[in-house]
PDB file of N, CA and C in Angstrom:
ATOM      1  N   MET A   1      13.424   2.554 -44.971  1.00  0.00           N
ATOM      2  CA  MET A   1      12.414   3.418 -44.407  1.00  0.00           C
ATOM      3  C   MET A   1      12.021   2.949 -43.004  1.00  0.00           C
ATOM      4  N   PHE A   2      11.690   1.660 -42.875  1.00  0.00           N
ATOM      5  CA  PHE A   2      11.269   1.145 -41.576  1.00  0.00           C
ATOM      6  C   PHE A   2      12.437   1.055 -40.607  1.00  0.00           C
ATOM      7  N   GLY A   3      13.635   0.884 -41.123  1.00  0.00           N
ATOM      8  CA  GLY A   3      14.814   0.842 -40.264  1.00  0.00           C
ATOM      9  C   GLY A   3      15.044   2.180 -39.575  1.00  0.00           C
ATOM     10  N   LEU A   4      14.849   3.272 -40.293  1.00  0.00           N
ATOM     11  CA  LEU A   4      15.012   4.593 -39.720  1.00  0.00           C
ATOM     12  C   LEU A   4      13.932   4.876 -38.675  1.00  0.00           C
ATOM     13  N   LEU A   5      12.719   4.475 -38.960  1.00  0.00           N
ATOM     14  CA  LEU A   5      11.626   4.655 -38.013  1.00  0.00           C
ATOM     15  C   LEU A   5      11.865   3.835 -36.751  1.00  0.00           C
ATOM     16  N   ARG A   6      12.342   2.620 -36.914  1.00  0.00           N
ATOM     17  CA  ARG A   6      12.646   1.761 -35.772  1.00  0.00           C
ATOM     18  C   ARG A   6      13.789   2.334 -34.935  1.00  0.00           C
ATOM     19  N   LEU A   7      14.791   2.926 -35.591  1.00  0.00           N
ATOM     20  CA  LEU A   7      15.896   3.560 -34.891  1.00  0.00           C
ATOM     21  C   LEU A   7      15.402   4.712 -34.025  1.00  0.00           C
ATOM     22  N   VAL A   8      14.534   5.549 -34.565  1.00  0.00           N
ATOM     23  CA  VAL A   8      13.991   6.679 -33.809  1.00  0.00           C
ATOM     24  C   VAL A   8      13.156   6.176 -32.642  1.00  0.00           C
ATOM     25  N   LEU A   9      12.356   5.160 -32.845  1.00  0.00           N
ATOM     26  CA  LEU A   9      11.508   4.609 -31.793  1.00  0.00           C
ATOM     27  C   LEU A   9      12.351   4.023 -30.657  1.00  0.00           C
ATOM     28  N   PHE A  10      13.347   3.225 -30.968  1.00  0.00           N
ATOM     29  CA  PHE A  10      14.183   2.614 -29.936  1.00  0.00           C
ATOM     30  C   PHE A  10      15.042   3.648 -29.211  1.00  0.00           C
ATOM     31  N   THR A  11      15.490   4.671 -29.926  1.00  0.00           N
ATOM     32  CA  THR A  11      16.255   5.743 -29.286  1.00  0.00           C
ATOM     33  C   THR A  11      15.378   6.499 -28.296  1.00  0.00           C
ATOM     34  N   GLY A  12      14.135   6.774 -28.661  1.00  0.00           N
ATOM     35  CA  GLY A  12      13.208   7.441 -27.751  1.00  0.00           C
ATOM     36  C   GLY A  12      12.904   6.595 -26.525  1.00  0.00           C
ATOM     37  N   LEU A  13      12.701   5.305 -26.722  1.00  0.00           N
ATOM     38  CA  LEU A  13      12.446   4.415 -25.597  1.00  0.00           C
ATOM     39  C   LEU A  13      13.655   4.329 -24.662  1.00  0.00           C
ATOM     40  N   ALA A  14      14.850   4.289 -25.223  1.00  0.00           N
ATOM     41  CA  ALA A  14      16.053   4.249 -24.394  1.00  0.00           C
ATOM     42  C   ALA A  14      16.209   5.546 -23.604  1.00  0.00           C
ATOM     43  N   PHE A  15      15.867   6.666 -24.202  1.00  0.00           N
ATOM     44  CA  PHE A  15      15.949   7.943 -23.503  1.00  0.00           C
ATOM     45  C   PHE A  15      14.971   7.989 -22.335  1.00  0.00           C
ATOM     46  N   VAL A  16      13.742   7.565 -22.556  1.00  0.00           N
ATOM     47  CA  VAL A  16      12.736   7.560 -21.486  1.00  0.00           C
ATOM     48  C   VAL A  16      13.144   6.607 -20.373  1.00  0.00           C
ATOM     49  N   ALA A  17      13.658   5.438 -20.721  1.00  0.00           N
ATOM     50  CA  ALA A  17      14.105   4.489 -19.703  1.00  0.00           C
ATOM     51  C   ALA A  17      15.263   5.071 -18.895  1.00  0.00           C
ATOM     52  N   GLY A  18      16.172   5.780 -19.526  1.00  0.00           N
ATOM     53  CA  GLY A  18      17.279   6.402 -18.815  1.00  0.00           C
ATOM     54  C   GLY A  18      16.817   7.483 -17.860  1.00  0.00           C
ATOM     55  N   VAL A  19      15.850   8.285 -18.280  1.00  0.00           N
ATOM     56  CA  VAL A  19      15.318   9.331 -17.405  1.00  0.00           C
ATOM     57  C   VAL A  19      14.636   8.710 -16.193  1.00  0.00           C
ATOM     58  N   LEU A  20      13.843   7.679 -16.409  1.00  0.00           N
ATOM     59  CA  LEU A  20      13.160   7.026 -15.289  1.00  0.00           C
ATOM     60  C   LEU A  20      14.160   6.368 -14.340  1.00  0.00           C
ATOM     61  N   PHE A  21      15.202   5.777 -14.888  1.00  0.00           N
ATOM     62  CA  PHE A  21      16.231   5.148 -14.051  1.00  0.00           C
ATOM     63  C   PHE A  21      16.939   6.185 -13.189  1.00  0.00           C
ATOM     64  N   GLU A  22      17.285   7.328 -13.772  1.00  0.00           N
ATOM     65  CA  GLU A  22      17.956   8.384 -13.014  1.00  0.00           C
ATOM     66  C   GLU A  22      17.054   8.941 -11.921  1.00  0.00           C
ATOM     67  N   ARG A  23      15.773   9.094 -12.205  1.00  0.00           N
ATOM     68  CA  ARG A  23      14.856   9.624 -11.189  1.00  0.00           C
ATOM     69  C   ARG A  23      14.703   8.655 -10.026  1.00  0.00           C
ATOM     70  N   SER A  24      14.653   7.366 -10.298  1.00  0.00           N
ATOM     71  CA  SER A  24      14.536   6.403  -9.202  1.00  0.00           C
ATOM     72  C   SER A  24      15.831   6.338  -8.404  1.00  0.00           C
ATOM     73  N   ASP A  25      16.966   6.542  -9.069  1.00  0.00           N
ATOM     74  CA  ASP A  25      18.244   6.546  -8.366  1.00  0.00           C
ATOM     75  C   ASP A  25      18.351   7.754  -7.445  1.00  0.00           C
ATOM     76  N   GLN A  26      17.834   8.902  -7.856  1.00  0.00           N
ATOM     77  CA  GLN A  26      17.836  10.087  -6.997  1.00  0.00           C
ATOM     78  C   GLN A  26      17.008   9.838  -5.746  1.00  0.00           C
ATOM     79  N   ARG A  27      15.914   9.142  -5.893  1.00  0.00           N
ATOM     80  CA  ARG A  27      15.059   8.848  -4.737  1.00  0.00           C
ATOM     81  C   ARG A  27      15.788   7.964  -3.736  1.00  0.00           C
ATOM     82  N   ASN A  28      16.574   7.014  -4.194  1.00  0.00           N
ATOM     83  CA  ASN A  28      17.304   6.124  -3.298  1.00  0.00           C
ATOM     84  C   ASN A  28      18.470   6.841  -2.607  1.00  0.00           C
ATOM     85  N   GLU A  29      19.043   7.848  -3.241  1.00  0.00           N
ATOM     86  CA  GLU A  29      20.199   8.549  -2.684  1.00  0.00           C
ATOM     87  C   GLU A  29      19.818   9.675  -1.723  1.00  0.00           C
ATOM     88  N   CYS A  30      18.551   9.995  -1.614  1.00  0.00           N
ATOM     89  CA  CYS A  30      18.110  11.102  -0.766  1.00  0.00           C
ATOM     90  C   CYS A  30      18.231  10.706   0.710  1.00  0.00           C
ATOM     91  N   PRO A  31      18.979  11.492   1.527  1.00  0.00           N
ATOM     92  CA  PRO A  31      19.132  11.151   2.943  1.00  0.00           C
ATOM     93  C   PRO A  31      17.923  11.530   3.791  1.00  0.00           C
ATOM     94  N   GLY A  32      17.009  12.317   3.250  1.00  0.00           N
ATOM     95  CA  GLY A  32      15.827  12.757   4.002  1.00  0.00           C
ATOM     96  C   GLY A  32      14.554  12.190   3.402  1.00  0.00           C
ATOM     97  N   THR A  33      13.552  13.049   3.289  1.00  0.00           N
ATOM     98  CA  THR A  33      12.257  12.674   2.726  1.00  0.00           C
ATOM     99  C   THR A  33      12.188  13.127   1.276  1.00  0.00           C
ATOM    100  N   TYR A  34      11.721  12.251   0.399  1.00  0.00           N
ATOM    101  CA  TYR A  34      11.610  12.554  -1.027  1.00  0.00           C
ATOM    102  C   TYR A  34      10.140  12.679  -1.376  1.00  0.00           C
ATOM    103  N   ARG A  35       9.697  13.903  -1.700  1.00  0.00           N
ATOM    104  CA  ARG A  35       8.297  14.131  -2.064  1.00  0.00           C
ATOM    105  C   ARG A  35       8.231  15.010  -3.301  1.00  0.00           C
ATOM    106  N   ALA A  36       7.380  14.643  -4.236  1.00  0.00           N
ATOM    107  CA  ALA A  36       7.103  15.429  -5.448  1.00  0.00           C
ATOM    108  C   ALA A  36       8.382  15.798  -6.205  1.00  0.00           C
ATOM    109  N   GLY A  37       9.345  14.898  -6.252  1.00  0.00           N
ATOM    110  CA  GLY A  37      10.568  15.130  -7.002  1.00  0.00           C
ATOM    111  C   GLY A  37      11.592  15.992  -6.299  1.00  0.00           C
ATOM    112  N   ILE A  38      11.373  16.297  -5.018  1.00  0.00           N
ATOM    113  CA  ILE A  38      12.295  17.143  -4.264  1.00  0.00           C
ATOM    114  C   ILE A  38      12.751  16.388  -3.017  1.00  0.00           C
ATOM    115  N   CYS A  39      14.043  16.459  -2.728  1.00  0.00           N
ATOM    116  CA  CYS A  39      14.612  15.819  -1.556  1.00  0.00           C
ATOM    117  C   CYS A  39      14.628  16.823  -0.409  1.00  0.00           C
ATOM    118  N   TYR A  40      13.897  16.513   0.655  1.00  0.00           N
ATOM    119  CA  TYR A  40      13.853  17.364   1.847  1.00  0.00           C
ATOM    120  C   TYR A  40      14.743  16.751   2.908  1.00  0.00           C
ATOM    121  N   VAL A  41      15.743  17.504   3.362  1.00  0.00           N
ATOM    122  CA  VAL A  41      16.668  17.050   4.396  1.00  0.00           C
ATOM    123  C   VAL A  41      16.379  17.859   5.649  1.00  0.00           C
ATOM    124  N   THR A  42      16.073  17.159   6.755  1.00  0.00           N
ATOM    125  CA  THR A  42      15.714  17.870   7.986  1.00  0.00           C
ATOM    126  C   THR A  42      16.932  18.310   8.776  1.00  0.00           C
ATOM    127  N   GLU A  43      18.023  17.589   8.704  1.00  0.00           N
ATOM    128  CA  GLU A  43      19.235  18.003   9.396  1.00  0.00           C
ATOM    129  C   GLU A  43      20.416  17.855   8.456  1.00  0.00           C
ATOM    130  N   LEU A  44      21.375  18.747   8.590  1.00  0.00           N
ATOM    131  CA  LEU A  44      22.526  18.737   7.699  1.00  0.00           C
ATOM    132  C   LEU A  44      23.490  17.620   8.076  1.00  0.00           C
ATOM    133  N   PRO A  45      24.028  16.905   7.086  1.00  0.00           N
ATOM    134  CA  PRO A  45      25.003  15.842   7.390  1.00  0.00           C
ATOM    135  C   PRO A  45      26.341  16.433   7.819  1.00  0.00           C
ATOM    136  N   ASP A  46      27.080  15.704   8.615  1.00  0.00           N
ATOM    137  CA  ASP A  46      28.410  16.128   9.045  1.00  0.00           C
ATOM    138  C   ASP A  46      29.361  16.024   7.868  1.00  0.00           C
ATOM    139  N   VAL A  47      30.111  17.081   7.658  1.00  0.00           N
ATOM    140  CA  VAL A  47      31.036  17.105   6.523  1.00  0.00           C
ATOM    141  C   VAL A  47      32.457  17.042   7.022  1.00  0.00           C
TER     142      VAL A  47
END
């Protein structure tokens, strides 16, 4: 019983940690200004 509850708890914590990690990684990869979860790019990069 407690093993199943612990599995659900750790799975939820791992999911939240993964979401937070991905959001911080998006902030580091933004070439412009990052505000309120949106990346604002003032000039287009050369492709």
